[in-house]
Protein backbone atom coordinates (compact mmCIF):
# COMPACT_ATOMS: atom_id res chain seq x y z
CA MET A 1 20.54 -70.31 -2.35
CA SER A 2 18.29 -71.33 0.45
CA LYS A 3 15.22 -69.46 1.65
CA LYS A 4 17.12 -68.46 4.79
CA ALA A 5 19.83 -66.71 2.76
CA TYR A 6 17.21 -64.80 0.72
CA LEU A 7 15.46 -63.79 3.94
CA ILE A 8 18.69 -62.47 5.46
CA ILE A 9 19.59 -60.56 2.28
CA GLY A 10 16.06 -59.12 2.10
CA LEU A 11 16.17 -57.97 5.72
CA ALA A 12 19.60 -56.39 5.20
CA ILE A 13 18.29 -54.46 2.18
CA ILE A 14 15.26 -53.25 4.16
CA ILE A 15 17.47 -52.11 7.04
CA VAL A 16 19.86 -50.26 4.72
CA LEU A 17 17.01 -48.54 2.86
CA GLY A 18 15.38 -47.59 6.14
CA ALA A 19 18.63 -46.07 7.41
CA ILE A 20 19.08 -44.08 4.19
CA ILE A 21 15.54 -42.73 4.37
CA TYR A 22 15.95 -41.89 8.06
CA LEU A 23 19.20 -39.97 7.44
CA LYS A 24 18.19 -38.27 4.20
CA PHE A 25 14.77 -36.84 4.87
CA GLU A 26 13.37 -34.48 7.46
CA TRP A 27 10.20 -35.89 8.95
CA PRO A 28 7.26 -33.51 9.47
CA GLY A 29 7.80 -31.75 12.78
CA GLY A 30 11.11 -33.55 13.26
CA GLN A 31 14.67 -32.38 13.56
CA LYS A 32 16.34 -35.02 11.38
CA ILE A 33 18.02 -33.72 8.24
CA TRP A 34 20.71 -35.11 5.96
CA ALA A 35 23.48 -36.48 8.13
CA GLY A 36 26.18 -33.92 8.80
CA LYS A 37 24.04 -30.89 8.01
CA THR A 38 23.42 -28.58 10.90
CA ALA A 39 20.91 -25.80 11.32
CA GLU A 40 23.75 -23.34 10.66
CA ASP A 41 24.43 -25.03 7.33
CA LYS A 42 20.77 -24.75 6.39
CA CYS A 43 20.63 -21.07 7.32
CA ALA A 44 23.91 -20.25 5.57
CA LYS A 45 22.51 -21.70 2.35
CA ALA A 46 19.02 -20.23 2.75
CA ASP A 47 17.69 -17.57 0.39
CA PHE A 48 17.65 -15.10 3.29
CA PRO A 49 20.31 -16.25 5.79
CA PHE A 50 19.84 -13.27 8.13
CA ALA A 51 16.13 -14.04 8.48
CA CYS A 52 16.86 -17.71 9.07
CA PHE A 53 19.33 -17.02 11.88
CA LEU A 54 17.01 -14.44 13.44
CA ASP A 55 14.10 -16.87 13.23
CA ARG A 56 16.14 -19.58 14.97
CA ALA A 57 17.15 -17.16 17.74
CA MET A 58 13.55 -16.03 18.19
CA ALA A 59 12.19 -19.57 18.27
CA ALA A 60 14.74 -20.68 20.86
CA GLY A 61 14.60 -17.43 22.83
CA ASP A 62 18.39 -17.40 22.68
CA PRO A 63 20.28 -14.40 21.25
CA ASN A 64 23.47 -16.52 21.18
CA LEU A 65 22.13 -18.13 18.00
CA CYS A 66 22.72 -14.83 16.17
CA ALA A 67 26.47 -15.49 16.47
CA SER A 68 26.35 -17.70 13.36
CA ALA A 69 24.89 -14.96 11.16
CA ALA A 70 28.32 -14.03 9.74
CA ASP A 71 28.60 -10.33 8.95
CA LYS A 72 25.04 -9.62 10.13
CA ARG A 73 25.31 -10.99 13.66
CA ILE A 74 25.03 -7.60 15.38
CA SER A 75 22.03 -6.72 13.21
CA CYS A 76 20.51 -10.07 14.15
CA LEU A 77 21.14 -9.35 17.83
CA GLN A 78 19.61 -5.86 17.58
CA SER A 79 16.57 -7.19 15.72
CA TYR A 80 16.17 -9.95 18.29
CA ALA A 81 16.23 -7.40 21.13
CA GLU A 82 13.77 -5.12 19.36
CA ILE A 83 11.28 -7.89 18.56
CA GLN A 84 11.54 -9.46 22.02
CA GLU A 85 11.41 -6.00 23.60
CA VAL A 86 14.44 -6.71 25.78
CA ASP A 87 17.71 -4.92 26.37
CA ILE A 88 20.84 -6.47 24.92
CA ASP A 89 23.14 -7.81 27.63
CA CYS A 90 26.41 -8.44 25.84
CA SER A 91 27.95 -10.04 28.93
CA LYS A 92 25.58 -13.01 28.60
CA LEU A 93 26.75 -13.95 25.11
CA GLN A 94 28.75 -17.17 25.06
CA ASP A 95 31.09 -16.51 22.13
CA ASP A 96 33.98 -14.24 23.22
CA GLN A 97 34.40 -12.51 19.86
CA PHE A 98 30.64 -11.99 19.52
CA ARG A 99 30.54 -10.56 23.03
CA GLN A 100 33.32 -8.08 22.18
CA GLU A 101 31.62 -7.07 18.92
CA CYS A 102 28.40 -6.55 20.85
CA GLN A 103 30.08 -4.38 23.47
CA THR A 104 31.73 -2.30 20.75
CA ALA A 105 28.60 -1.90 18.63
CA ILE A 106 26.03 -1.45 21.38
CA LYS A 107 26.86 1.21 23.92
CA HIS A 108 24.34 1.75 26.65
């Protein structure tokens, strides 16, 4: 093979390895995780899923993120409101089912 062919093969290998590293690892301070994994996936598999979902909601300042907390979503919402020292406004929740659960569980 010629030097040009080796150069092309070498560059292709470097590009493929770079893409694998980019997709596989989370960079410090970055958002990139293994392709296909979402923050919900990470929280669902965390040692303390409730705390993970609550932490995400707190960091984003968005109680809608508690909707992914499975059977603890109302607890997540109540904890969010208590920590943020705000009243829960169920009408502002985006997920219809979560909004209904909120209205049933939290009566003002």
